[in-house]
Amino acid sequence: MSTPLREPTFLILTALASGPLHGYGLITEVSDLSDGRVTLRPGTLYGALDRLTEDALIAVEREEVVDGRLRRYYRLTDEGAGVLQAETERLRRNVEAASSRLGRLGFARPAGGEA
């Protein structure tokens, strides 16, 4: 996948890199990863999950019934991990380029960055 990922998609894949999660777990994890900037509504999440499953970036790990409702757990596929790794590298190069140019202007580099 050569097109840059949208931030919610990137965060969904990142959340699944830690292991399988169900829908509510993904909503919570994406919010945590983005420090609350990205809030996924169920309709948006499940549309994204359907698309990512169709693209073979994620797969259904298992299903279970909890309180009479089906809970589906998703996992990152090898292809999804490759896409996430490529996107992470693309973003890292962008941060390095911006940090380098800002450094030449006398601006401090981002905290925790080695760029």
Protein backbone atom coordinates (compact mmCIF):
# COMPACT_ATOMS: atom_id res chain seq x y z
CA MET A 1 0.00 0.00 0.00
CA SER A 2 1.77 3.14 -1.17
CA THR A 3 -0.88 5.70 -0.22
CA PRO A 4 -0.29 7.32 3.19
CA LEU A 5 -2.65 6.00 5.85
CA ARG A 6 -5.24 8.28 7.38
CA GLU A 7 -4.56 8.85 11.08
CA PRO A 8 -7.50 6.72 12.36
CA THR A 9 -6.38 3.80 10.17
CA PHE A 10 -2.79 4.17 11.35
CA LEU A 11 -3.96 4.20 14.97
CA ILE A 12 -6.21 1.14 14.50
CA LEU A 13 -3.31 -0.83 13.03
CA THR A 14 -1.01 0.44 15.81
CA ALA A 15 -3.51 -0.64 18.47
CA LEU A 16 -3.72 -4.12 16.95
CA ALA A 17 0.09 -4.43 16.91
CA SER A 18 -0.17 -5.15 20.67
CA GLY A 19 -2.56 -8.05 20.13
CA PRO A 20 -6.18 -8.84 19.25
CA LEU A 21 -8.86 -6.39 20.36
CA HIS A 22 -12.63 -6.12 20.03
CA GLY A 23 -14.44 -2.98 18.90
CA TYR A 24 -14.76 -1.20 22.23
CA GLY A 25 -11.16 -2.09 23.06
CA LEU A 26 -10.07 -0.52 19.78
CA ILE A 27 -12.08 2.66 20.45
CA THR A 28 -10.42 2.97 23.86
CA GLU A 29 -6.91 2.15 22.63
CA VAL A 30 -7.11 4.60 19.69
CA SER A 31 -8.22 7.33 22.07
CA ASP A 32 -5.33 6.50 24.41
CA LEU A 33 -2.76 6.38 21.60
CA SER A 34 -3.88 9.78 20.30
CA ASP A 35 -4.15 11.39 23.75
CA GLY A 36 -7.88 11.80 23.11
CA ARG A 37 -7.50 13.63 19.77
CA VAL A 38 -9.05 10.78 17.76
CA THR A 39 -12.42 9.49 18.90
CA LEU A 40 -13.83 6.68 16.80
CA ARG A 41 -17.59 6.33 16.69
CA PRO A 42 -18.86 2.76 16.28
CA GLY A 43 -20.12 3.32 12.72
CA THR A 44 -16.77 4.79 11.66
CA LEU A 45 -14.83 2.04 13.40
CA TYR A 46 -16.79 -0.85 11.93
CA GLY A 47 -16.63 0.68 8.44
CA ALA A 48 -12.85 0.91 8.82
CA LEU A 49 -12.63 -2.64 10.18
CA ASP A 50 -14.63 -3.96 7.21
CA ARG A 51 -12.32 -2.12 4.79
CA LEU A 52 -9.14 -3.26 6.56
CA THR A 53 -10.42 -6.86 6.61
CA GLU A 54 -11.25 -6.66 2.90
CA ASP A 55 -7.72 -5.32 2.25
CA ALA A 56 -6.29 -8.24 4.30
CA LEU A 57 -4.54 -5.86 6.72
CA ILE A 58 -6.49 -7.29 9.66
CA ALA A 59 -8.41 -10.50 10.24
CA VAL A 60 -11.00 -11.80 12.67
CA GLU A 61 -9.12 -13.65 15.41
CA ARG A 62 -12.16 -15.05 17.21
CA GLU A 63 -15.76 -14.38 18.17
CA GLU A 64 -17.51 -14.84 21.48
CA VAL A 65 -20.94 -14.08 22.85
CA VAL A 66 -20.96 -11.71 25.84
CA ASP A 67 -24.27 -10.74 27.46
CA GLY A 68 -26.12 -12.07 24.43
CA ARG A 69 -24.09 -9.98 21.96
CA LEU A 70 -21.44 -11.12 19.53
CA ARG A 71 -17.98 -9.75 20.33
CA ARG A 72 -15.51 -10.03 17.45
CA TYR A 73 -11.77 -9.77 18.07
CA TYR A 74 -9.51 -8.50 15.29
CA ARG A 75 -5.78 -9.07 14.79
CA LEU A 76 -3.12 -7.53 12.62
CA THR A 77 -2.08 -9.70 9.66
CA ASP A 78 1.48 -10.00 8.38
CA GLU A 79 0.49 -7.74 5.48
CA GLY A 80 -1.00 -5.24 7.92
CA ALA A 81 2.18 -5.27 10.00
CA GLY A 82 4.20 -4.58 6.84
CA VAL A 83 1.95 -1.65 5.92
CA LEU A 84 2.19 -0.29 9.48
CA GLN A 85 5.99 -0.63 9.44
CA ALA A 86 6.26 1.15 6.06
CA GLU A 87 3.97 3.97 7.22
CA THR A 88 5.89 4.33 10.48
CA GLU A 89 9.12 4.67 8.51
CA ARG A 90 7.55 7.24 6.15
CA LEU A 91 6.36 9.31 9.10
CA ARG A 92 9.76 8.99 10.82
CA ARG A 93 11.53 10.36 7.72
CA ASN A 94 9.06 13.26 7.59
CA VAL A 95 9.70 14.09 11.26
CA GLU A 96 13.46 13.94 10.72
CA ALA A 97 13.23 16.30 7.73
CA ALA A 98 11.03 18.80 9.58
CA SER A 99 13.16 18.62 12.74
CA SER A 100 16.33 19.21 10.76
CA ARG A 101 14.93 22.28 9.07
CA LEU A 102 13.48 23.66 12.29
CA GLY A 103 16.83 23.09 13.99
CA ARG A 104 18.52 25.25 11.36
CA LEU A 105 16.07 28.01 12.28
CA GLY A 106 16.97 27.70 15.96
CA PHE A 107 13.85 25.82 17.07
CA ALA A 108 14.29 23.00 19.54
CA ARG A 109 13.80 19.46 18.39
CA PRO A 110 10.71 17.58 19.62
CA ALA A 111 11.03 16.11 23.10
CA GLY A 112 12.21 12.51 23.00
CA GLY A 113 13.17 12.71 19.32
CA GLU A 114 16.54 11.82 17.94
CA ALA A 115 15.84 13.41 14.57
